């Protein structure tokens, strides 16, 4: 079932509490003033926000937000040409690994996919 109140004005008009949840990458022990000051000194697209870690928490913390995700259009490639672009040059992407603030150990999950479709007009008989 779809939510009838999927925006702030509709939610609050119906008596609900609108909550924004941030995809933060770290927290600091800063108080609200230090959190706002830190925000002015961060670089590389990072910022801080004085907010609840998640809905239901009773105290706010200084959340460190990462830069927004990069969204780019992939280069042109001929069908079934295995990633080669114009003039036979392979398509590629230079991935910038995030820099984390502070000395706390971080865990990360990377999910990479390559979709290979079989039977799309390719003769696969005799392929092991």
C-alpha atoms as a PDB file:
ATOM      1  CA  UNK A   1       0.000   0.000   0.000  1.00  0.00           C
ATOM      2  CA  UNK A   2       1.303   3.440  -0.899  1.00  0.00           C
ATOM      3  CA  UNK A   3       1.618   6.150   1.713  1.00  0.00           C
ATOM      4  CA  UNK A   4      -1.025   8.840   1.366  1.00  0.00           C
ATOM      5  CA  UNK A   5       1.149  11.346   3.223  1.00  0.00           C
ATOM      6  CA  UNK A   6       4.460  11.216   1.355  1.00  0.00           C
ATOM      7  CA  UNK A   7       5.403  14.881   1.743  1.00  0.00           C
ATOM      8  CA  UNK A   8       5.872  17.171   4.741  1.00  0.00           C
ATOM      9  CA  UNK A   9       2.763  19.347   4.336  1.00  0.00           C
ATOM     10  CA  UNK A  10       0.402  16.383   3.842  1.00  0.00           C
ATOM     11  CA  UNK A  11       1.978  14.495   6.752  1.00  0.00           C
ATOM     12  CA  UNK A  12       1.745  17.341   9.268  1.00  0.00           C
ATOM     13  CA  UNK A  13      -1.767  18.304   8.089  1.00  0.00           C
ATOM     14  CA  UNK A  14      -2.875  14.744   8.932  1.00  0.00           C
ATOM     15  CA  UNK A  15      -1.368  15.050  12.432  1.00  0.00           C
ATOM     16  CA  UNK A  16       1.819  13.129  11.653  1.00  0.00           C
ATOM     17  CA  UNK A  17       5.418  14.007  12.444  1.00  0.00           C
ATOM     18  CA  UNK A  18       7.652  14.549   9.408  1.00  0.00           C
ATOM     19  CA  UNK A  19      11.167  13.176   9.927  1.00  0.00           C
ATOM     20  CA  UNK A  20      14.164  13.622   7.646  1.00  0.00           C
ATOM     21  CA  UNK A  21      16.708  10.821   7.918  1.00  0.00           C
ATOM     22  CA  UNK A  22      20.249  11.522   6.735  1.00  0.00           C
ATOM     23  CA  UNK A  23      22.669   9.007   5.245  1.00  0.00           C
ATOM     24  CA  UNK A  24      25.549   9.969   7.506  1.00  0.00           C
ATOM     25  CA  UNK A  25      29.014   8.403   7.366  1.00  0.00           C
ATOM     26  CA  UNK A  26      30.192   9.247  10.883  1.00  0.00           C
ATOM     27  CA  UNK A  27      29.323  11.028  14.104  1.00  0.00           C
ATOM     28  CA  UNK A  28      31.426  13.314  16.270  1.00  0.00           C
ATOM     29  CA  UNK A  29      31.339  14.138  19.971  1.00  0.00           C
ATOM     30  CA  UNK A  30      30.847  17.846  19.190  1.00  0.00           C
ATOM     31  CA  UNK A  31      28.125  19.878  20.879  1.00  0.00           C
ATOM     32  CA  UNK A  32      25.723  21.839  18.676  1.00  0.00           C
ATOM     33  CA  UNK A  33      27.965  24.938  18.427  1.00  0.00           C
ATOM     34  CA  UNK A  34      31.125  22.948  17.625  1.00  0.00           C
ATOM     35  CA  UNK A  35      29.151  20.892  15.105  1.00  0.00           C
ATOM     36  CA  UNK A  36      28.107  24.025  13.226  1.00  0.00           C
ATOM     37  CA  UNK A  37      31.671  25.435  13.386  1.00  0.00           C
ATOM     38  CA  UNK A  38      33.084  22.146  12.049  1.00  0.00           C
ATOM     39  CA  UNK A  39      30.637  22.380   9.139  1.00  0.00           C
ATOM     40  CA  UNK A  40      32.333  25.610   8.046  1.00  0.00           C
ATOM     41  CA  UNK A  41      35.782  23.952   7.876  1.00  0.00           C
ATOM     42  CA  UNK A  42      34.972  20.705   6.070  1.00  0.00           C
ATOM     43  CA  UNK A  43      36.037  20.213   2.448  1.00  0.00           C
ATOM     44  CA  UNK A  44      35.469  17.716  -0.393  1.00  0.00           C
ATOM     45  CA  UNK A  45      31.685  18.097  -0.201  1.00  0.00           C
ATOM     46  CA  UNK A  46      31.385  16.877   3.404  1.00  0.00           C
ATOM     47  CA  UNK A  47      29.097  18.659   5.846  1.00  0.00           C
ATOM     48  CA  UNK A  48      27.748  18.245   9.365  1.00  0.00           C
ATOM     49  CA  UNK A  49      24.174  18.290  10.600  1.00  0.00           C
ATOM     50  CA  UNK A  50      22.887  18.530  14.193  1.00  0.00           C
ATOM     51  CA  UNK A  51      20.139  15.931  14.042  1.00  0.00           C
ATOM     52  CA  UNK A  52      18.831  12.616  15.386  1.00  0.00           C
ATOM     53  CA  UNK A  53      20.740   9.544  14.230  1.00  0.00           C
ATOM     54  CA  UNK A  54      17.464   7.819  13.346  1.00  0.00           C
ATOM     55  CA  UNK A  55      13.751   8.134  14.022  1.00  0.00           C
ATOM     56  CA  UNK A  56      12.922   7.404  17.661  1.00  0.00           C
ATOM     57  CA  UNK A  57      16.235   8.643  19.133  1.00  0.00           C
ATOM     58  CA  UNK A  58      15.725  11.124  21.952  1.00  0.00           C
ATOM     59  CA  UNK A  59      18.946  13.134  21.668  1.00  0.00           C
ATOM     60  CA  UNK A  60      20.579  14.874  18.736  1.00  0.00           C
ATOM     61  CA  UNK A  61      24.169  14.291  17.636  1.00  0.00           C
ATOM     62  CA  UNK A  62      26.632  15.832  15.210  1.00  0.00           C
ATOM     63  CA  UNK A  63      26.284  13.750  12.037  1.00  0.00           C
ATOM     64  CA  UNK A  64      28.971  13.912   9.355  1.00  0.00           C
ATOM     65  CA  UNK A  65      27.373  13.737   5.906  1.00  0.00           C
ATOM     66  CA  UNK A  66      29.373  12.619   2.903  1.00  0.00           C
ATOM     67  CA  UNK A  67      29.332  14.339  -0.450  1.00  0.00           C
ATOM     68  CA  UNK A  68      26.308  13.665  -2.644  1.00  0.00           C
ATOM     69  CA  UNK A  69      26.622  10.618  -4.923  1.00  0.00           C
ATOM     70  CA  UNK A  70      27.964  11.204  -8.396  1.00  0.00           C
ATOM     71  CA  UNK A  71      25.415  10.540 -11.102  1.00  0.00           C
ATOM     72  CA  UNK A  72      26.770  10.496 -14.638  1.00  0.00           C
ATOM     73  CA  UNK A  73      25.612   9.221 -17.995  1.00  0.00           C
ATOM     74  CA  UNK A  74      27.500   6.185 -19.237  1.00  0.00           C
ATOM     75  CA  UNK A  75      29.360   6.488 -22.502  1.00  0.00           C
ATOM     76  CA  UNK A  76      27.980   5.049 -25.732  1.00  0.00           C
ATOM     77  CA  UNK A  77      28.680   1.384 -26.477  1.00  0.00           C
ATOM     78  CA  UNK A  78      27.531  -0.817 -29.331  1.00  0.00           C
ATOM     79  CA  UNK A  79      25.214  -3.699 -28.378  1.00  0.00           C
ATOM     80  CA  UNK A  80      27.147  -6.843 -27.313  1.00  0.00           C
ATOM     81  CA  UNK A  81      30.461  -5.017 -27.634  1.00  0.00           C
ATOM     82  CA  UNK A  82      31.552  -5.785 -24.034  1.00  0.00           C
ATOM     83  CA  UNK A  83      32.117  -2.246 -22.833  1.00  0.00           C
ATOM     84  CA  UNK A  84      34.158  -0.827 -25.670  1.00  0.00           C
ATOM     85  CA  UNK A  85      33.157   2.711 -26.517  1.00  0.00           C
ATOM     86  CA  UNK A  86      33.664   4.713 -29.681  1.00  0.00           C
ATOM     87  CA  UNK A  87      36.843   3.914 -31.601  1.00  0.00           C
ATOM     88  CA  UNK A  88      37.336   0.709 -29.557  1.00  0.00           C
ATOM     89  CA  UNK A  89      38.377   2.560 -26.400  1.00  0.00           C
ATOM     90  CA  UNK A  90      37.153   0.737 -23.249  1.00  0.00           C
ATOM     91  CA  UNK A  91      34.586   2.569 -21.156  1.00  0.00           C
ATOM     92  CA  UNK A  92      35.809   3.231 -17.617  1.00  0.00           C
ATOM     93  CA  UNK A  93      35.042   5.086 -14.429  1.00  0.00           C
ATOM     94  CA  UNK A  94      37.553   6.431 -11.919  1.00  0.00           C
ATOM     95  CA  UNK A  95      36.098   5.673  -8.509  1.00  0.00           C
ATOM     96  CA  UNK A  96      37.113   8.068  -5.734  1.00  0.00           C
ATOM     97  CA  UNK A  97      37.225   6.136  -2.450  1.00  0.00           C
ATOM     98  CA  UNK A  98      35.642   8.194   0.367  1.00  0.00           C
ATOM     99  CA  UNK A  99      37.814   9.873   2.960  1.00  0.00           C
ATOM    100  CA  UNK A 100      36.516   9.451   6.490  1.00  0.00           C
ATOM    101  CA  UNK A 101      36.967  11.988   9.248  1.00  0.00           C
ATOM    102  CA  UNK A 102      38.397  10.868  12.590  1.00  0.00           C
ATOM    103  CA  UNK A 103      40.333   7.836  13.776  1.00  0.00           C
ATOM    104  CA  UNK A 104      37.474   5.379  14.296  1.00  0.00           C
ATOM    105  CA  UNK A 105      37.741   2.172  12.268  1.00  0.00           C
ATOM    106  CA  UNK A 106      35.136   2.002   9.497  1.00  0.00           C
ATOM    107  CA  UNK A 107      33.481  -0.928   7.783  1.00  0.00           C
ATOM    108  CA  UNK A 108      32.365  -0.765   4.182  1.00  0.00           C
ATOM    109  CA  UNK A 109      30.398  -2.891   1.750  1.00  0.00           C
ATOM    110  CA  UNK A 110      31.016  -2.705  -1.967  1.00  0.00           C
ATOM    111  CA  UNK A 111      28.581  -4.254  -4.419  1.00  0.00           C
ATOM    112  CA  UNK A 112      29.651  -4.411  -8.021  1.00  0.00           C
ATOM    113  CA  UNK A 113      27.595  -5.989 -10.777  1.00  0.00           C
ATOM    114  CA  UNK A 114      28.242  -6.964 -14.320  1.00  0.00           C
ATOM    115  CA  UNK A 115      25.147  -8.034 -16.190  1.00  0.00           C
ATOM    116  CA  UNK A 116      25.934 -10.531 -18.914  1.00  0.00           C
ATOM    117  CA  UNK A 117      22.979 -11.695 -20.974  1.00  0.00           C
ATOM    118  CA  UNK A 118      23.154 -15.009 -22.767  1.00  0.00           C
ATOM    119  CA  UNK A 119      21.010 -16.071 -25.674  1.00  0.00           C
ATOM    120  CA  UNK A 120      20.634 -12.579 -27.136  1.00  0.00           C
ATOM    121  CA  UNK A 121      21.381 -13.648 -30.652  1.00  0.00           C
ATOM    122  CA  UNK A 122      24.740 -15.170 -29.722  1.00  0.00           C
ATOM    123  CA  UNK A 123      25.388 -18.755 -30.758  1.00  0.00           C
ATOM    124  CA  UNK A 124      26.354 -20.415 -27.454  1.00  0.00           C
ATOM    125  CA  UNK A 125      26.195 -24.049 -28.626  1.00  0.00           C
ATOM    126  CA  UNK A 126      29.329 -25.897 -27.638  1.00  0.00           C
ATOM    127  CA  UNK A 127      30.321 -23.384 -24.930  1.00  0.00           C
ATOM    128  CA  UNK A 128      31.173 -25.582 -21.911  1.00  0.00           C
END
